[in-house]
Protein backbone atom coordinates (compact mmCIF):
# COMPACT_ATOMS: atom_id res chain seq x y z
CA MET A 1 7.54 -3.89 -10.71
CA SER A 2 6.84 -1.04 -13.15
CA ILE A 3 3.16 -1.21 -12.09
CA VAL A 4 4.17 -0.83 -8.44
CA PHE A 5 6.34 2.20 -9.15
CA SER A 6 3.59 3.66 -11.31
CA GLY A 7 1.66 3.91 -8.06
CA VAL A 8 4.33 6.31 -6.81
CA ALA A 9 3.89 8.44 -9.91
CA ILE A 10 0.11 8.42 -9.49
CA ALA A 11 0.59 9.55 -5.89
CA MET A 12 2.67 12.44 -7.17
CA VAL A 13 -0.14 13.40 -9.53
CA THR A 14 -2.74 13.46 -6.77
CA THR A 15 -1.32 13.84 -3.28
CA VAL A 16 1.58 16.26 -3.81
CA PRO A 17 -0.48 18.96 -5.55
CA PHE A 18 -3.33 18.28 -3.11
CA ALA A 19 -1.00 18.70 -0.12
CA THR A 20 0.38 21.91 -1.61
CA TRP A 21 -3.18 23.17 -2.08
CA LEU A 22 -4.10 22.31 1.54
CA ALA A 23 -1.00 24.10 2.79
CA SER A 24 -1.93 27.20 0.80
CA LEU A 25 -5.44 27.16 2.34
CA TRP A 26 -4.52 26.39 5.95
CA SER A 27 -1.12 24.93 6.92
CA TRP A 28 1.17 21.94 6.32
CA GLU A 29 -0.19 20.28 9.44
CA TYR A 30 -3.45 19.50 7.61
CA SER A 31 -1.59 17.76 4.79
CA PHE A 32 0.10 15.49 7.33
CA MET A 33 -3.26 14.68 8.87
CA VAL A 34 -4.55 13.60 5.45
CA GLN A 35 -1.35 11.58 4.97
CA ALA A 36 -2.01 9.74 8.24
CA ILE A 37 -5.56 8.87 7.15
CA VAL A 38 -4.40 7.61 3.74
CA SER A 39 -1.66 5.53 5.40
CA ILE A 40 -4.18 3.87 7.72
CA VAL A 41 -6.40 3.01 4.74
CA ALA A 42 -3.38 1.58 2.88
CA LEU A 43 -2.34 -0.48 5.91
CA ALA A 44 -5.84 -1.91 6.23
CA GLY A 45 -5.86 -2.72 2.52
CA ILE A 46 -2.54 -4.58 2.78
CA TYR A 47 -3.68 -6.55 5.82
CA TYR A 48 -7.14 -7.54 4.60
CA ALA A 49 -6.87 -7.57 0.78
CA LEU A 50 -3.50 -9.14 0.01
CA PRO A 51 -3.43 -12.96 -0.06
CA PRO A 52 -1.07 -14.85 2.29
CA MET A 53 2.32 -15.60 0.78
CA PRO A 54 4.01 -18.33 2.86
CA VAL A 55 7.73 -18.89 2.45
CA LYS A 56 8.26 -22.01 0.32
CA GLU A 57 12.00 -22.29 0.75
CA LYS A 58 14.06 -20.86 3.58
CA LYS A 59 17.50 -19.58 2.66
CA SER A 60 20.40 -19.50 5.06
CA TYR A 61 21.92 -16.23 6.19
CA GLY A 62 25.22 -17.27 4.66
CA SER A 63 23.72 -17.78 1.21
CA GLN A 64 22.21 -14.30 1.40
CA LEU A 65 25.18 -12.43 2.85
CA LYS A 66 27.63 -13.81 0.30
CA ILE A 67 26.34 -11.32 -2.29
CA LEU A 68 27.99 -8.58 -0.24
CA LYS A 69 31.34 -9.94 -1.45
CA GLN A 70 30.46 -9.91 -5.15
CA PRO A 71 32.18 -7.03 -6.99
CA THR A 72 29.36 -6.59 -9.51
CA PHE A 73 26.80 -6.28 -6.73
CA ILE A 74 28.91 -3.76 -4.83
CA ILE A 75 29.35 -1.68 -7.99
CA SER A 76 25.64 -1.92 -8.79
CA THR A 77 24.86 -0.75 -5.25
CA ALA A 78 27.12 2.26 -5.76
CA MET A 79 25.37 3.01 -9.06
CA ASN A 80 22.00 2.91 -7.31
CA PHE A 81 23.26 5.22 -4.58
CA PHE A 82 24.85 7.76 -6.94
CA MET A 83 21.89 7.78 -9.32
CA ILE A 84 19.31 8.52 -6.62
CA THR A 85 21.61 11.09 -4.99
CA ALA A 86 21.98 12.87 -8.33
CA TRP A 87 18.23 13.14 -8.87
CA PHE A 88 17.29 14.16 -5.35
CA SER A 89 19.90 16.89 -4.98
CA THR A 90 17.49 18.95 -7.10
CA TYR A 91 14.13 17.16 -7.00
CA SER A 92 13.93 17.42 -3.20
CA TYR A 93 13.68 21.18 -3.70
CA PHE A 94 11.47 21.08 -6.79
CA ALA A 95 9.08 23.78 -5.56
CA GLU A 96 11.89 25.94 -4.20
CA PHE A 97 13.80 25.68 -7.49
CA LEU A 98 10.83 26.59 -9.66
CA ASN A 99 9.90 29.46 -7.35
CA LYS A 100 13.33 31.02 -6.82
CA ALA A 101 15.20 30.07 -9.99
CA LYS A 102 12.30 30.14 -12.47
CA GLY A 103 9.98 32.70 -10.86
CA MET A 104 6.88 30.48 -10.66
CA ASP A 105 4.24 31.09 -7.99
CA ALA A 106 2.71 28.38 -5.76
CA THR A 107 -0.21 27.75 -8.12
CA MET A 108 2.07 27.29 -11.12
CA VAL A 109 4.32 24.98 -9.11
CA SER A 110 1.28 22.81 -8.30
CA TYR A 111 0.49 22.57 -12.01
CA MET A 112 4.08 21.59 -12.72
CA LEU A 113 3.93 18.85 -10.09
CA PHE A 114 0.76 17.59 -11.73
CA LEU A 115 2.44 17.57 -15.16
CA PHE A 116 5.50 15.90 -13.65
CA GLY A 117 3.43 13.12 -12.13
CA ILE A 118 1.20 12.50 -15.16
CA ILE A 119 4.23 12.03 -17.37
CA GLY A 120 5.81 9.87 -14.67
CA VAL A 121 2.97 7.32 -14.89
CA PHE A 122 3.68 6.72 -18.57
CA ALA A 123 7.44 6.85 -17.99
CA ASN A 124 7.28 3.95 -15.52
CA TRP A 125 5.22 1.89 -17.95
CA ILE A 126 7.65 2.57 -20.80
CA ALA A 127 10.66 1.88 -18.56
CA GLY A 128 9.15 -1.48 -17.58
CA LYS A 129 8.87 -2.44 -21.26
CA MET A 130 12.42 -1.28 -21.97
CA LEU A 131 13.86 -3.15 -18.97
CA ASN A 132 12.52 -6.41 -20.41
CA LYS A 133 14.81 -5.85 -23.41
CA SER A 134 17.95 -4.49 -21.75
CA VAL A 135 18.46 -3.54 -18.10
CA THR A 136 21.79 -1.79 -18.65
CA LYS A 137 20.76 0.28 -21.68
CA THR A 138 17.47 1.30 -20.08
CA THR A 139 19.18 2.35 -16.87
CA ALA A 140 21.78 4.35 -18.80
CA PHE A 141 19.10 6.01 -20.93
CA PHE A 142 17.11 7.32 -17.97
CA LEU A 143 20.27 8.10 -16.00
CA SER A 144 21.29 10.48 -18.80
CA GLY A 145 18.59 12.79 -17.46
CA THR A 146 20.78 13.69 -14.47
CA ILE A 147 23.05 15.45 -16.96
CA LEU A 148 20.65 16.43 -19.75
CA VAL A 149 17.99 18.00 -17.53
CA SER A 150 20.55 20.14 -15.70
CA ILE A 151 21.80 21.56 -18.99
CA LEU A 152 18.28 22.14 -20.33
CA LEU A 153 17.20 23.90 -17.13
CA TYR A 154 20.11 26.28 -17.58
CA ILE A 155 19.33 26.88 -21.27
CA SER A 156 15.61 27.48 -20.61
CA ASP A 157 16.55 30.35 -18.30
CA GLY A 158 13.45 32.49 -17.62
CA ASN A 159 11.40 31.25 -20.57
CA ASN A 160 8.30 29.66 -19.02
CA VAL A 161 7.30 27.69 -22.13
CA ALA A 162 10.79 26.20 -22.46
CA THR A 163 10.86 25.46 -18.72
CA ILE A 164 7.54 23.60 -18.91
CA VAL A 165 8.92 21.45 -21.76
CA VAL A 166 12.04 20.73 -19.71
CA ILE A 167 9.92 19.78 -16.68
CA GLY A 168 8.09 17.29 -18.89
CA ILE A 169 11.42 15.77 -19.94
CA TRP A 170 12.54 15.85 -16.30
CA GLY A 171 9.43 13.98 -15.18
CA PHE A 172 9.87 11.36 -17.89
CA LEU A 173 13.53 10.64 -17.13
CA TYR A 174 13.30 10.95 -13.35
CA SER A 175 10.13 9.01 -12.51
CA PRO A 176 11.46 5.47 -13.22
CA SER A 177 14.67 6.16 -11.26
CA PHE A 178 13.85 3.81 -8.36
CA LEU A 179 12.54 1.17 -10.76
CA ASN A 180 15.68 1.31 -12.90
CA ALA A 181 18.10 1.51 -9.97
CA SER A 182 16.48 -1.42 -8.14
CA THR A 183 16.23 -3.60 -11.25
CA TYR A 184 19.83 -2.86 -12.21
CA MET A 185 21.04 -3.69 -8.72
CA ILE A 186 19.15 -6.98 -8.26
CA SER A 187 20.03 -8.11 -11.79
CA SER A 188 23.55 -8.69 -10.50
CA VAL A 189 22.29 -11.25 -7.93
CA PRO A 190 19.56 -13.36 -9.60
CA ASP A 191 19.85 -16.02 -6.87
CA SER A 192 19.17 -13.59 -4.00
CA LEU A 193 16.41 -11.37 -5.32
CA GLU A 194 14.66 -10.73 -2.00
CA PHE A 195 17.77 -9.67 -0.10
CA GLY A 196 19.09 -7.74 -3.10
CA ASN A 197 15.80 -5.88 -3.47
CA SER A 198 15.72 -4.94 0.22
CA LEU A 199 19.24 -3.54 -0.05
CA ALA A 200 18.31 -1.70 -3.23
CA THR A 201 15.53 0.07 -1.35
CA SER A 202 17.84 0.85 1.58
CA PHE A 203 20.60 2.34 -0.55
CA GLY A 204 18.05 4.20 -2.64
CA ASN A 205 16.72 5.83 0.53
CA LEU A 206 20.29 6.59 1.57
CA GLY A 207 20.74 8.32 -1.78
CA VAL A 208 17.59 10.37 -1.09
CA THR A 209 19.05 11.41 2.27
CA LEU A 210 22.44 12.40 0.87
CA GLY A 211 20.96 14.15 -2.16
CA THR A 212 18.56 16.14 0.00
CA THR A 213 21.33 17.04 2.47
CA ILE A 214 23.73 18.16 -0.24
CA GLY A 215 20.96 20.06 -1.98
CA GLY A 216 20.14 21.90 1.23
CA LEU A 217 23.78 22.81 1.78
CA ILE A 218 24.04 24.12 -1.78
CA ILE A 219 20.96 26.31 -1.25
CA ILE A 220 22.46 27.75 1.93
CA THR A 221 25.92 28.41 0.47
CA LYS A 222 25.32 29.05 -3.24
CA GLY A 223 21.62 29.24 -4.02
CA VAL A 224 19.03 26.82 -5.39
CA SER A 225 19.92 27.60 -9.02
CA TYR A 226 23.22 25.70 -8.51
CA ASN A 227 21.58 22.44 -7.39
CA PRO A 228 21.25 20.83 -10.85
CA TRP A 229 24.97 21.28 -11.54
CA PHE A 230 25.95 19.31 -8.45
CA GLY A 231 23.56 16.57 -9.53
CA ILE A 232 25.67 16.14 -12.66
CA VAL A 233 28.64 15.07 -10.53
CA PHE A 234 26.76 12.13 -9.04
CA GLY A 235 25.21 11.32 -12.41
CA VAL A 236 28.68 10.97 -13.91
CA LEU A 237 29.77 8.76 -10.99
CA ALA A 238 26.74 6.52 -11.65
CA PHE A 239 27.75 6.22 -15.32
CA VAL A 240 31.27 5.26 -14.22
CA MET A 241 29.80 2.45 -12.10
CA ILE A 242 27.80 1.16 -15.08
CA GLY A 243 30.95 1.13 -17.20
CA LEU A 244 32.94 -0.59 -14.47
CA ARG A 245 30.33 -3.32 -14.00
CA ARG A 246 30.18 -3.92 -17.74
CA PHE A 247 33.97 -4.23 -17.82
CA LEU A 248 33.98 -6.77 -14.97
CA GLU A 249 31.20 -8.83 -16.55
CA GLN A 250 33.01 -8.94 -19.88
CA SER A 251 36.23 -9.96 -18.14
CA GLU A 252 34.39 -12.77 -16.34
CA ARG A 253 32.88 -14.04 -19.61
CA LYS A 254 36.31 -14.11 -21.23
CA SER A 255 37.82 -15.99 -18.30
CA PHE A 256 35.06 -18.63 -18.48
CA SER A 257 35.37 -18.98 -22.25
CA VAL A 258 39.10 -19.74 -22.02
CA LYS A 259 39.42 -23.34 -20.93
CA PRO A 260 42.74 -24.58 -19.50
CA LEU A 261 44.61 -27.26 -21.46
CA GLU A 262 44.41 -30.74 -19.96
């Protein structure tokens, strides 16, 4: 899965700066035209290159839907949602933030996106290795960026060198967010991986929507420099969900270990 999400990071390295460059030359409409062409090529590749994967065992709707009643899955879903919301309350306005809060021009912002994406490729690979050892600890480690990066962005102030270092840290901790959130969520339902993964994607996208909406409202009412601070709120909520799931899992283990007297 880390390889798949590395593709997202690679896309950030290439397409986002490229689209920004096209927009600076002509207009955003041209970047969408290129996006349409790339999407058609990707669709053709999926249809013609991927091997057929027939379903070996059909699962009933009931066996899939029962995970919606599991407390650990519900909590993990909330963690996914809060984590993605926290990141995207600021990342959705990456260029706006660097331009207005840090005083970087469009060219410098393109370079920062490139740096962000390059680091993200390695971050996804490292996160994949770490997830094999501990899903919870890895998720918590990268989630800490929702708090740490906000503080570092404030400390860096108008220092460009310090800001570039912080952006590197930001790219490293942010890039595996979907990988970590999805893995953490589906780890709570090992018997329903397909359905769990589809819901992980859905709630991740919902987090993107809410984070972007809240970020936009903050820009209108307060200013883009306040966006990272609101991300901290959702980051803390995500940490609370991790703690709550851990508590429930430990309670379940204790209840299973205590056998009733016959």
